[in-house]
Amino acid sequence: MARGYWVGHVDVSDPDGYKQYQAANAAAFRKYGGRFLVRAGASETPEGATRSRHVVIEFPDYAAARDCYYSPEYQAALKKREGKSLIDLVLVEGYDGPQPTD
């Protein structure tokens, strides 16, 4: 079964306030099996436009990724992010098919 992902591109305008959101979202991520694969590391944008911070969170499956976002736990955390950042967020199902070969 393919995993589910959150892919976010974020500009943080209030770093201290954003920390409250980060602390609050941990409960939802734990409950739905989310784990960070990317969390604001070094990056570059060779094509297109993007934001300054990037996050990829992996979930056991797409349903868990969706359930987490719409959960009361995450929605409560989301309120703590309001006015502290701008985000483009995509919930996406992973690919579990054949890969290119050499």
PDB file of N, CA and C in Angstrom:
ATOM      1  N   MET A   1       0.842  -1.183   0.000  1.00  0.00           N
ATOM      2  CA  MET A   1       0.000   0.000   0.000  1.00  0.00           C
ATOM      3  C   MET A   1       0.884   1.242   0.000  1.00  0.00           C
ATOM      4  N   ALA A   2       0.541   2.196  -0.828  1.00  0.00           N
ATOM      5  CA  ALA A   2       1.310   3.433  -0.933  1.00  0.00           C
ATOM      6  C   ALA A   2       1.131   4.294   0.312  1.00  0.00           C
ATOM      7  N   ARG A   3       2.180   4.943   0.689  1.00  0.00           N
ATOM      8  CA  ARG A   3       2.141   5.856   1.831  1.00  0.00           C
ATOM      9  C   ARG A   3       1.477   7.165   1.415  1.00  0.00           C
ATOM     10  N   GLY A   4       1.136   7.983   2.401  1.00  0.00           N
ATOM     11  CA  GLY A   4       0.595   9.311   2.155  1.00  0.00           C
ATOM     12  C   GLY A   4       1.586  10.355   2.629  1.00  0.00           C
ATOM     13  N   TYR A   5       1.529  11.538   2.023  1.00  0.00           N
ATOM     14  CA  TYR A   5       2.491  12.594   2.344  1.00  0.00           C
ATOM     15  C   TYR A   5       1.819  13.950   2.441  1.00  0.00           C
ATOM     16  N   TRP A   6       2.385  14.770   3.293  1.00  0.00           N
ATOM     17  CA  TRP A   6       2.128  16.203   3.267  1.00  0.00           C
ATOM     18  C   TRP A   6       3.391  16.823   2.681  1.00  0.00           C
ATOM     19  N   VAL A   7       3.226  17.677   1.690  1.00  0.00           N
ATOM     20  CA  VAL A   7       4.339  18.421   1.121  1.00  0.00           C
ATOM     21  C   VAL A   7       3.995  19.895   1.289  1.00  0.00           C
ATOM     22  N   GLY A   8       4.776  20.576   2.111  1.00  0.00           N
ATOM     23  CA  GLY A   8       4.502  21.973   2.412  1.00  0.00           C
ATOM     24  C   GLY A   8       5.668  22.872   2.053  1.00  0.00           C
ATOM     25  N   HIS A   9       5.329  24.058   1.595  1.00  0.00           N
ATOM     26  CA  HIS A   9       6.307  25.106   1.307  1.00  0.00           C
ATOM     27  C   HIS A   9       5.846  26.317   2.111  1.00  0.00           C
ATOM     28  N   VAL A  10       6.715  26.814   2.990  1.00  0.00           N
ATOM     29  CA  VAL A  10       6.305  27.752   4.029  1.00  0.00           C
ATOM     30  C   VAL A  10       7.209  28.978   4.062  1.00  0.00           C
ATOM     31  N   ASP A  11       6.614  30.136   4.291  1.00  0.00           N
ATOM     32  CA  ASP A  11       7.327  31.353   4.673  1.00  0.00           C
ATOM     33  C   ASP A  11       6.848  31.696   6.075  1.00  0.00           C
ATOM     34  N   VAL A  12       7.755  31.739   7.032  1.00  0.00           N
ATOM     35  CA  VAL A  12       7.424  32.048   8.418  1.00  0.00           C
ATOM     36  C   VAL A  12       7.680  33.528   8.661  1.00  0.00           C
ATOM     37  N   SER A  13       6.645  34.241   9.124  1.00  0.00           N
ATOM     38  CA  SER A  13       6.784  35.673   9.403  1.00  0.00           C
ATOM     39  C   SER A  13       6.953  35.960  10.891  1.00  0.00           C
ATOM     40  N   ASP A  14       6.581  35.011  11.755  1.00  0.00           N
ATOM     41  CA  ASP A  14       6.696  35.174  13.207  1.00  0.00           C
ATOM     42  C   ASP A  14       7.299  33.888  13.787  1.00  0.00           C
ATOM     43  N   PRO A  15       8.638  33.789  13.787  1.00  0.00           N
ATOM     44  CA  PRO A  15       9.281  32.547  14.233  1.00  0.00           C
ATOM     45  C   PRO A  15       8.913  32.129  15.652  1.00  0.00           C
ATOM     46  N   ASP A  16       8.806  33.068  16.574  1.00  0.00           N
ATOM     47  CA  ASP A  16       8.453  32.709  17.949  1.00  0.00           C
ATOM     48  C   ASP A  16       7.021  32.177  18.027  1.00  0.00           C
ATOM     49  N   GLY A  17       6.101  32.825  17.346  1.00  0.00           N
ATOM     50  CA  GLY A  17       4.721  32.351  17.324  1.00  0.00           C
ATOM     51  C   GLY A  17       4.578  31.015  16.613  1.00  0.00           C
ATOM     52  N   TYR A  18       5.377  30.806  15.580  1.00  0.00           N
ATOM     53  CA  TYR A  18       5.333  29.561  14.804  1.00  0.00           C
ATOM     54  C   TYR A  18       5.747  28.372  15.665  1.00  0.00           C
ATOM     55  N   LYS A  19       6.621  28.607  16.623  1.00  0.00           N
ATOM     56  CA  LYS A  19       7.045  27.533  17.533  1.00  0.00           C
ATOM     57  C   LYS A  19       5.866  26.980  18.328  1.00  0.00           C
ATOM     58  N   GLN A  20       4.879  27.814  18.639  1.00  0.00           N
ATOM     59  CA  GLN A  20       3.674  27.339  19.342  1.00  0.00           C
ATOM     60  C   GLN A  20       2.897  26.365  18.458  1.00  0.00           C
ATOM     61  N   TYR A  21       2.804  26.673  17.182  1.00  0.00           N
ATOM     62  CA  TYR A  21       2.153  25.770  16.226  1.00  0.00           C
ATOM     63  C   TYR A  21       2.912  24.449  16.148  1.00  0.00           C
ATOM     64  N   GLN A  22       4.242  24.506  16.064  1.00  0.00           N
ATOM     65  CA  GLN A  22       5.043  23.287  15.975  1.00  0.00           C
ATOM     66  C   GLN A  22       4.847  22.400  17.206  1.00  0.00           C
ATOM     67  N   ALA A  23       4.796  23.002  18.367  1.00  0.00           N
ATOM     68  CA  ALA A  23       4.589  22.223  19.591  1.00  0.00           C
ATOM     69  C   ALA A  23       3.200  21.591  19.603  1.00  0.00           C
ATOM     70  N   ALA A  24       2.206  22.314  19.117  1.00  0.00           N
ATOM     71  CA  ALA A  24       0.828  21.829  19.143  1.00  0.00           C
ATOM     72  C   ALA A  24       0.555  20.753  18.100  1.00  0.00           C
ATOM     73  N   ASN A  25       1.253  20.776  16.952  1.00  0.00           N
ATOM     74  CA  ASN A  25       0.938  19.813  15.894  1.00  0.00           C
ATOM     75  C   ASN A  25       1.493  18.422  16.172  1.00  0.00           C
ATOM     76  N   ALA A  26       2.407  18.305  17.116  1.00  0.00           N
ATOM     77  CA  ALA A  26       3.039  17.013  17.399  1.00  0.00           C
ATOM     78  C   ALA A  26       2.032  15.943  17.806  1.00  0.00           C
ATOM     79  N   ALA A  27       1.006  16.310  18.553  1.00  0.00           N
ATOM     80  CA  ALA A  27       0.007  15.326  19.006  1.00  0.00           C
ATOM     81  C   ALA A  27      -0.719  14.694  17.815  1.00  0.00           C
ATOM     82  N   ALA A  28      -1.091  15.501  16.844  1.00  0.00           N
ATOM     83  CA  ALA A  28      -1.785  14.971  15.660  1.00  0.00           C
ATOM     84  C   ALA A  28      -0.856  14.080  14.849  1.00  0.00           C
ATOM     85  N   PHE A  29       0.384  14.494  14.675  1.00  0.00           N
ATOM     86  CA  PHE A  29       1.319  13.687  13.887  1.00  0.00           C
ATOM     87  C   PHE A  29       1.575  12.339  14.556  1.00  0.00           C
ATOM     88  N   ARG A  30       1.716  12.346  15.871  1.00  0.00           N
ATOM     89  CA  ARG A  30       1.894  11.073  16.596  1.00  0.00           C
ATOM     90  C   ARG A  30       0.672  10.170  16.424  1.00  0.00           C
ATOM     91  N   LYS A  31      -0.512  10.738  16.603  1.00  0.00           N
ATOM     92  CA  LYS A  31      -1.748   9.960  16.534  1.00  0.00           C
ATOM     93  C   LYS A  31      -1.937   9.289  15.174  1.00  0.00           C
ATOM     94  N   TYR A  32      -1.548   9.969  14.095  1.00  0.00           N
ATOM     95  CA  TYR A  32      -1.786   9.450  12.746  1.00  0.00           C
ATOM     96  C   TYR A  32      -0.542   8.857  12.101  1.00  0.00           C
ATOM     97  N   GLY A  33       0.530   8.698  12.866  1.00  0.00           N
ATOM     98  CA  GLY A  33       1.724   8.032  12.361  1.00  0.00           C
ATOM     99  C   GLY A  33       2.580   8.876  11.443  1.00  0.00           C
ATOM    100  N   GLY A  34       2.484  10.200  11.559  1.00  0.00           N
ATOM    101  CA  GLY A  34       3.294  11.078  10.720  1.00  0.00           C
ATOM    102  C   GLY A  34       4.729  11.142  11.194  1.00  0.00           C
ATOM    103  N   ARG A  35       5.641  11.186  10.229  1.00  0.00           N
ATOM    104  CA  ARG A  35       7.053  11.371  10.580  1.00  0.00           C
ATOM    105  C   ARG A  35       7.699  12.279   9.545  1.00  0.00           C
ATOM    106  N   PHE A  36       8.537  13.172  10.029  1.00  0.00           N
ATOM    107  CA  PHE A  36       9.183  14.144   9.158  1.00  0.00           C
ATOM    108  C   PHE A  36      10.274  13.477   8.323  1.00  0.00           C
ATOM    109  N   LEU A  37      10.225  13.705   7.017  1.00  0.00           N
ATOM    110  CA  LEU A  37      11.297  13.310   6.112  1.00  0.00           C
ATOM    111  C   LEU A  37      12.143  14.524   5.750  1.00  0.00           C
ATOM    112  N   VAL A  38      11.492  15.680   5.666  1.00  0.00           N
ATOM    113  CA  VAL A  38      12.155  16.958   5.384  1.00  0.00           C
ATOM    114  C   VAL A  38      11.561  17.970   6.348  1.00  0.00           C
ATOM    115  N   ARG A  39      12.454  18.748   6.979  1.00  0.00           N
ATOM    116  CA  ARG A  39      11.967  19.765   7.905  1.00  0.00           C
ATOM    117  C   ARG A  39      12.923  20.957   7.880  1.00  0.00           C
ATOM    118  N   ALA A  40      12.769  21.785   6.851  1.00  0.00           N
ATOM    119  CA  ALA A  40      13.454  23.078   6.753  1.00  0.00           C
ATOM    120  C   ALA A  40      14.959  22.997   6.569  1.00  0.00           C
ATOM    121  N   GLY A  41      15.484  21.947   5.979  1.00  0.00           N
ATOM    122  CA  GLY A  41      16.921  21.860   5.727  1.00  0.00           C
ATOM    123  C   GLY A  41      17.343  22.768   4.577  1.00  0.00           C
ATOM    124  N   ALA A  42      18.602  22.684   4.238  1.00  0.00           N
ATOM    125  CA  ALA A  42      19.132  23.460   3.109  1.00  0.00           C
ATOM    126  C   ALA A  42      18.370  23.085   1.841  1.00  0.00           C
ATOM    127  N   SER A  43      18.151  24.080   0.986  1.00  0.00           N
ATOM    128  CA  SER A  43      17.427  23.818  -0.263  1.00  0.00           C
ATOM    129  C   SER A  43      17.822  24.838  -1.315  1.00  0.00           C
ATOM    130  N   GLU A  44      17.472  24.528  -2.540  1.00  0.00           N
ATOM    131  CA  GLU A  44      17.608  25.472  -3.642  1.00  0.00           C
ATOM    132  C   GLU A  44      16.448  25.237  -4.588  1.00  0.00           C
ATOM    133  N   THR A  45      16.147  26.226  -5.400  1.00  0.00           N
ATOM    134  CA  THR A  45      15.034  26.146  -6.339  1.00  0.00           C
ATOM    135  C   THR A  45      15.575  26.377  -7.744  1.00  0.00           C
ATOM    136  N   PRO A  46      15.999  25.299  -8.430  1.00  0.00           N
ATOM    137  CA  PRO A  46      16.552  25.483  -9.767  1.00  0.00           C
ATOM    138  C   PRO A  46      15.502  25.847 -10.820  1.00  0.00           C
ATOM    139  N   GLU A  47      14.223  25.613 -10.517  1.00  0.00           N
ATOM    140  CA  GLU A  47      13.155  25.965 -11.462  1.00  0.00           C
ATOM    141  C   GLU A  47      11.942  26.434 -10.682  1.00  0.00           C
ATOM    142  N   GLY A  48      11.223  27.389 -11.224  1.00  0.00           N
ATOM    143  CA  GLY A  48       9.973  27.838 -10.633  1.00  0.00           C
ATOM    144  C   GLY A  48      10.166  28.729  -9.418  1.00  0.00           C
ATOM    145  N   ALA A  49       9.065  28.964  -8.731  1.00  0.00           N
ATOM    146  CA  ALA A  49       9.058  29.802  -7.534  1.00  0.00           C
ATOM    147  C   ALA A  49       8.616  28.952  -6.360  1.00  0.00           C
ATOM    148  N   THR A  50       9.106  29.283  -5.189  1.00  0.00           N
ATOM    149  CA  THR A  50       8.733  28.520  -4.004  1.00  0.00           C
ATOM    150  C   THR A  50       8.877  29.402  -2.773  1.00  0.00           C
ATOM    151  N   ARG A  51       8.700  28.812  -1.637  1.00  0.00           N
ATOM    152  CA  ARG A  51       8.834  29.530  -0.369  1.00  0.00           C
ATOM    153  C   ARG A  51      10.166  29.173   0.278  1.00  0.00           C
ATOM    154  N   SER A  52      10.461  29.770   1.417  1.00  0.00           N
ATOM    155  CA  SER A  52      11.791  29.643   2.022  1.00  0.00           C
ATOM    156  C   SER A  52      12.002  28.372   2.837  1.00  0.00           C
ATOM    157  N   ARG A  53      10.946  27.712   3.248  1.00  0.00           N
ATOM    158  CA  ARG A  53      11.049  26.544   4.128  1.00  0.00           C
ATOM    159  C   ARG A  53      10.232  25.407   3.515  1.00  0.00           C
ATOM    160  N   HIS A  54      10.718  24.177   3.636  1.00  0.00           N
ATOM    161  CA  HIS A  54      10.039  23.029   3.032  1.00  0.00           C
ATOM    162  C   HIS A  54       9.874  21.931   4.065  1.00  0.00           C
ATOM    163  N   VAL A  55       8.743  21.246   3.986  1.00  0.00           N
ATOM    164  CA  VAL A  55       8.434  20.179   4.930  1.00  0.00           C
ATOM    165  C   VAL A  55       7.799  19.026   4.155  1.00  0.00           C
ATOM    166  N   VAL A  56       8.263  17.805   4.419  1.00  0.00           N
ATOM    167  CA  VAL A  56       7.629  16.602   3.882  1.00  0.00           C
ATOM    168  C   VAL A  56       7.391  15.682   5.073  1.00  0.00           C
ATOM    169  N   ILE A  57       6.126  15.313   5.262  1.00  0.00           N
ATOM    170  CA  ILE A  57       5.745  14.416   6.357  1.00  0.00           C
ATOM    171  C   ILE A  57       5.141  13.167   5.742  1.00  0.00           C
ATOM    172  N   GLU A  58       5.633  12.016   6.165  1.00  0.00           N
ATOM    173  CA  GLU A  58       5.167  10.732   5.648  1.00  0.00           C
ATOM    174  C   GLU A  58       4.181  10.111   6.629  1.00  0.00           C
ATOM    175  N   PHE A  59       3.114   9.527   6.089  1.00  0.00           N
ATOM    176  CA  PHE A  59       2.088   8.828   6.874  1.00  0.00           C
ATOM    177  C   PHE A  59       1.972   7.395   6.369  1.00  0.00           C
ATOM    178  N   PRO A  60       1.416   6.507   7.170  1.00  0.00           N
ATOM    179  CA  PRO A  60       1.295   5.104   6.751  1.00  0.00           C
ATOM    180  C   PRO A  60       0.557   4.925   5.424  1.00  0.00           C
ATOM    181  N   ASP A  61      -0.413   5.799   5.153  1.00  0.00           N
ATOM    182  CA  ASP A  61      -1.158   5.745   3.897  1.00  0.00           C
ATOM    183  C   ASP A  61      -1.829   7.096   3.667  1.00  0.00           C
ATOM    184  N   TYR A  62      -2.451   7.247   2.502  1.00  0.00           N
ATOM    185  CA  TYR A  62      -3.090   8.515   2.139  1.00  0.00           C
ATOM    186  C   TYR A  62      -4.246   8.847   3.079  1.00  0.00           C
ATOM    187  N   ALA A  63      -5.007   7.844   3.489  1.00  0.00           N
ATOM    188  CA  ALA A  63      -6.130   8.091   4.400  1.00  0.00           C
ATOM    189  C   ALA A  63      -5.637   8.690   5.723  1.00  0.00           C
ATOM    190  N   ALA A  64      -4.522   8.193   6.239  1.00  0.00           N
ATOM    191  CA  ALA A  64      -3.979   8.729   7.491  1.00  0.00           C
ATOM    192  C   ALA A  64      -3.525  10.178   7.301  1.00  0.00           C
ATOM    193  N   ALA A  65      -2.945  10.490   6.143  1.00  0.00           N
ATOM    194  CA  ALA A  65      -2.520  11.864   5.861  1.00  0.00           C
ATOM    195  C   ALA A  65      -3.729  12.802   5.857  1.00  0.00           C
ATOM    196  N   ARG A  66      -4.800  12.383   5.220  1.00  0.00           N
ATOM    197  CA  ARG A  66      -6.034  13.188   5.174  1.00  0.00           C
ATOM    198  C   ARG A  66      -6.672  13.286   6.555  1.00  0.00           C
ATOM    199  N   ASP A  67      -6.779  12.139   7.230  1.00  0.00           N
ATOM    200  CA  ASP A  67      -7.404  12.126   8.556  1.00  0.00           C
ATOM    201  C   ASP A  67      -6.658  13.045   9.516  1.00  0.00           C
ATOM    202  N   CYS A  68      -5.349  13.058   9.434  1.00  0.00           N
ATOM    203  CA  CYS A  68      -4.553  13.917  10.305  1.00  0.00           C
ATOM    204  C   CYS A  68      -4.875  15.391  10.049  1.00  0.00           C
ATOM    205  N   TYR A  69      -4.880  15.783   8.778  1.00  0.00           N
ATOM    206  CA  TYR A  69      -5.135  17.199   8.468  1.00  0.00           C
ATOM    207  C   TYR A  69      -6.496  17.652   8.984  1.00  0.00           C
ATOM    208  N   TYR A  70      -7.505  16.843   8.778  1.00  0.00           N
ATOM    209  CA  TYR A  70      -8.864  17.235   9.147  1.00  0.00           C
ATOM    210  C   TYR A  70      -9.225  16.895  10.592  1.00  0.00           C
ATOM    211  N   SER A  71      -8.294  16.340  11.342  1.00  0.00           N
ATOM    212  CA  SER A  71      -8.562  15.948  12.735  1.00  0.00           C
ATOM    213  C   SER A  71      -8.729  17.166  13.633  1.00  0.00           C
ATOM    214  N   PRO A  72      -9.500  17.005  14.718  1.00  0.00           N
ATOM    215  CA  PRO A  72      -9.627  18.104  15.689  1.00  0.00           C
ATOM    216  C   PRO A  72      -8.270  18.515  16.270  1.00  0.00           C
ATOM    217  N   GLU A  73      -7.375  17.555  16.448  1.00  0.00           N
ATOM    218  CA  GLU A  73      -6.053  17.862  17.009  1.00  0.00           C
ATOM    219  C   GLU A  73      -5.261  18.798  16.094  1.00  0.00           C
ATOM    220  N   TYR A  74      -5.258  18.486  14.794  1.00  0.00           N
ATOM    221  CA  TYR A  74      -4.492  19.327  13.885  1.00  0.00           C
ATOM    222  C   TYR A  74      -5.194  20.659  13.656  1.00  0.00           C
ATOM    223  N   GLN A  75      -6.501  20.648  13.561  1.00  0.00           N
ATOM    224  CA  GLN A  75      -7.220  21.902  13.346  1.00  0.00           C
ATOM    225  C   GLN A  75      -6.996  22.873  14.503  1.00  0.00           C
ATOM    226  N   ALA A  76      -6.878  22.347  15.727  1.00  0.00           N
ATOM    227  CA  ALA A  76      -6.554  23.207  16.877  1.00  0.00           C
ATOM    228  C   ALA A  76      -5.145  23.780  16.730  1.00  0.00           C
ATOM    229  N   ALA A  77      -4.196  22.953  16.289  1.00  0.00           N
ATOM    230  CA  ALA A  77      -2.824  23.426  16.080  1.00  0.00           C
ATOM    231  C   ALA A  77      -2.782  24.477  14.970  1.00  0.00           C
ATOM    232  N   LEU A  78      -3.555  24.242  13.922  1.00  0.00           N
ATOM    233  CA  LEU A  78      -3.591  25.137  12.775  1.00  0.00           C
ATOM    234  C   LEU A  78      -3.947  26.563  13.182  1.00  0.00           C
ATOM    235  N   LYS A  79      -4.835  26.706  14.124  1.00  0.00           N
ATOM    236  CA  LYS A  79      -5.222  28.039  14.598  1.00  0.00           C
ATOM    237  C   LYS A  79      -4.018  28.789  15.172  1.00  0.00           C
ATOM    238  N   LYS A  80      -3.061  28.079  15.734  1.00  0.00           N
ATOM    239  CA  LYS A  80      -1.861  28.706  16.297  1.00  0.00           C
ATOM    240  C   LYS A  80      -0.907  29.189  15.200  1.00  0.00           C
ATOM    241  N   ARG A  81      -1.088  28.699  13.977  1.00  0.00           N
ATOM    242  CA  ARG A  81      -0.236  29.106  12.857  1.00  0.00           C
ATOM    243  C   ARG A  81      -0.761  30.349  12.152  1.00  0.00           C
ATOM    244  N   GLU A  82      -2.035  30.642  12.327  1.00  0.00           N
ATOM    245  CA  GLU A  82      -2.663  31.764  11.627  1.00  0.00           C
ATOM    246  C   GLU A  82      -1.937  33.073  11.919  1.00  0.00           C
ATOM    247  N   GLY A  83      -1.618  33.803  10.852  1.00  0.00           N
ATOM    248  CA  GLY A  83      -0.952  35.083  10.976  1.00  0.00           C
ATOM    249  C   GLY A  83       0.544  34.990  11.241  1.00  0.00           C
ATOM    250  N   LYS A  84       1.063  33.780  11.299  1.00  0.00           N
ATOM    251  CA  LYS A  84       2.486  33.591  11.595  1.00  0.00           C
ATOM    252  C   LYS A  84       3.267  33.031  10.417  1.00  0.00           C
ATOM    253  N   SER A  85       2.537  32.599   9.378  1.00  0.00           N
ATOM    254  CA  SER A  85       3.205  32.026   8.208  1.00  0.00           C
ATOM    255  C   SER A  85       2.241  31.981   7.029  1.00  0.00           C
ATOM    256  N   LEU A  86       2.815  31.791   5.864  1.00  0.00           N
ATOM    257  CA  LEU A  86       2.061  31.493   4.650  1.00  0.00           C
ATOM    258  C   LEU A  86       2.526  30.122   4.197  1.00  0.00           C
ATOM    259  N   ILE A  87       1.584  29.286   3.762  1.00  0.00           N
ATOM    260  CA  ILE A  87       1.953  27.921   3.392  1.00  0.00           C
ATOM    261  C   ILE A  87       1.178  27.464   2.158  1.00  0.00           C
ATOM    262  N   ASP A  88       1.866  26.745   1.316  1.00  0.00           N
ATOM    263  CA  ASP A  88       1.242  25.977   0.242  1.00  0.00           C
ATOM    264  C   ASP A  88       1.408  24.526   0.675  1.00  0.00           C
ATOM    265  N   LEU A  89       0.304  23.821   0.858  1.00  0.00           N
ATOM    266  CA  LEU A  89       0.340  22.449   1.369  1.00  0.00           C
ATOM    267  C   LEU A  89      -0.422  21.530   0.433  1.00  0.00           C
ATOM    268  N   VAL A  90       0.196  20.400   0.117  1.00  0.00           N
ATOM    269  CA  VAL A  90      -0.431  19.389  -0.725  1.00  0.00           C
ATOM    270  C   VAL A  90      -0.457  18.083   0.058  1.00  0.00           C
ATOM    271  N   LEU A  91      -1.593  17.410   0.080  1.00  0.00           N
ATOM    272  CA  LEU A  91      -1.693  16.051   0.607  1.00  0.00           C
ATOM    273  C   LEU A  91      -1.671  15.150  -0.620  1.00  0.00           C
ATOM    274  N   VAL A  92      -0.744  14.188  -0.635  1.00  0.00           N
ATOM    275  CA  VAL A  92      -0.564  13.403  -1.854  1.00  0.00           C
ATOM    276  C   VAL A  92      -0.324  11.933  -1.513  1.00  0.00           C
ATOM    277  N   GLU A  93      -0.864  11.083  -2.353  1.00  0.00           N
ATOM    278  CA  GLU A  93      -0.629   9.645  -2.216  1.00  0.00           C
ATOM    279  C   GLU A  93       0.712   9.303  -2.849  1.00  0.00           C
ATOM    280  N   GLY A  94       1.490   8.509  -2.158  1.00  0.00           N
ATOM    281  CA  GLY A  94       2.788   8.076  -2.677  1.00  0.00           C
ATOM    282  C   GLY A  94       2.624   7.126  -3.855  1.00  0.00           C
ATOM    283  N   TYR A  95       3.724   6.900  -4.541  1.00  0.00           N
ATOM    284  CA  TYR A  95       3.760   6.005  -5.691  1.00  0.00           C
ATOM    285  C   TYR A  95       4.353   4.684  -5.250  1.00  0.00           C
ATOM    286  N   ASP A  96       3.657   3.599  -5.573  1.00  0.00           N
ATOM    287  CA  ASP A  96       4.099   2.271  -5.134  1.00  0.00           C
ATOM    288  C   ASP A  96       4.249   1.339  -6.338  1.00  0.00           C
ATOM    289  N   GLY A  97       4.562   1.905  -7.498  1.00  0.00           N
ATOM    290  CA  GLY A  97       4.662   1.105  -8.713  1.00  0.00           C
ATOM    291  C   GLY A  97       6.103   0.878  -9.144  1.00  0.00           C
ATOM    292  N   PRO A  98       6.279   0.405 -10.381  1.00  0.00           N
ATOM    293  CA  PRO A  98       7.622   0.115 -10.867  1.00  0.00           C
ATOM    294  C   PRO A  98       8.471   1.384 -10.978  1.00  0.00           C
ATOM    295  N   GLN A  99       9.766   1.204 -10.841  1.00  0.00           N
ATOM    296  CA  GLN A  99      10.721   2.303 -10.943  1.00  0.00           C
ATOM    297  C   GLN A  99      11.554   2.128 -12.199  1.00  0.00           C
ATOM    298  N   PRO A 100      12.118   3.234 -12.700  1.00  0.00           N
ATOM    299  CA  PRO A 100      13.003   3.117 -13.870  1.00  0.00           C
ATOM    300  C   PRO A 100      14.190   2.213 -13.536  1.00  0.00           C
ATOM    301  N   THR A 101      14.661   1.498 -14.505  1.00  0.00           N
ATOM    302  CA  THR A 101      15.826   0.635 -14.303  1.00  0.00           C
ATOM    303  C   THR A 101      16.986   1.162 -15.144  1.00  0.00           C
ATOM    304  N   ASP A 102      18.163   0.736 -14.785  1.00  0.00           N
ATOM    305  CA  ASP A 102      19.352   1.163 -15.535  1.00  0.00           C
ATOM    306  C   ASP A 102      19.405   0.520 -16.892  1.00  0.00           C
TER     307      ASP A 102
END
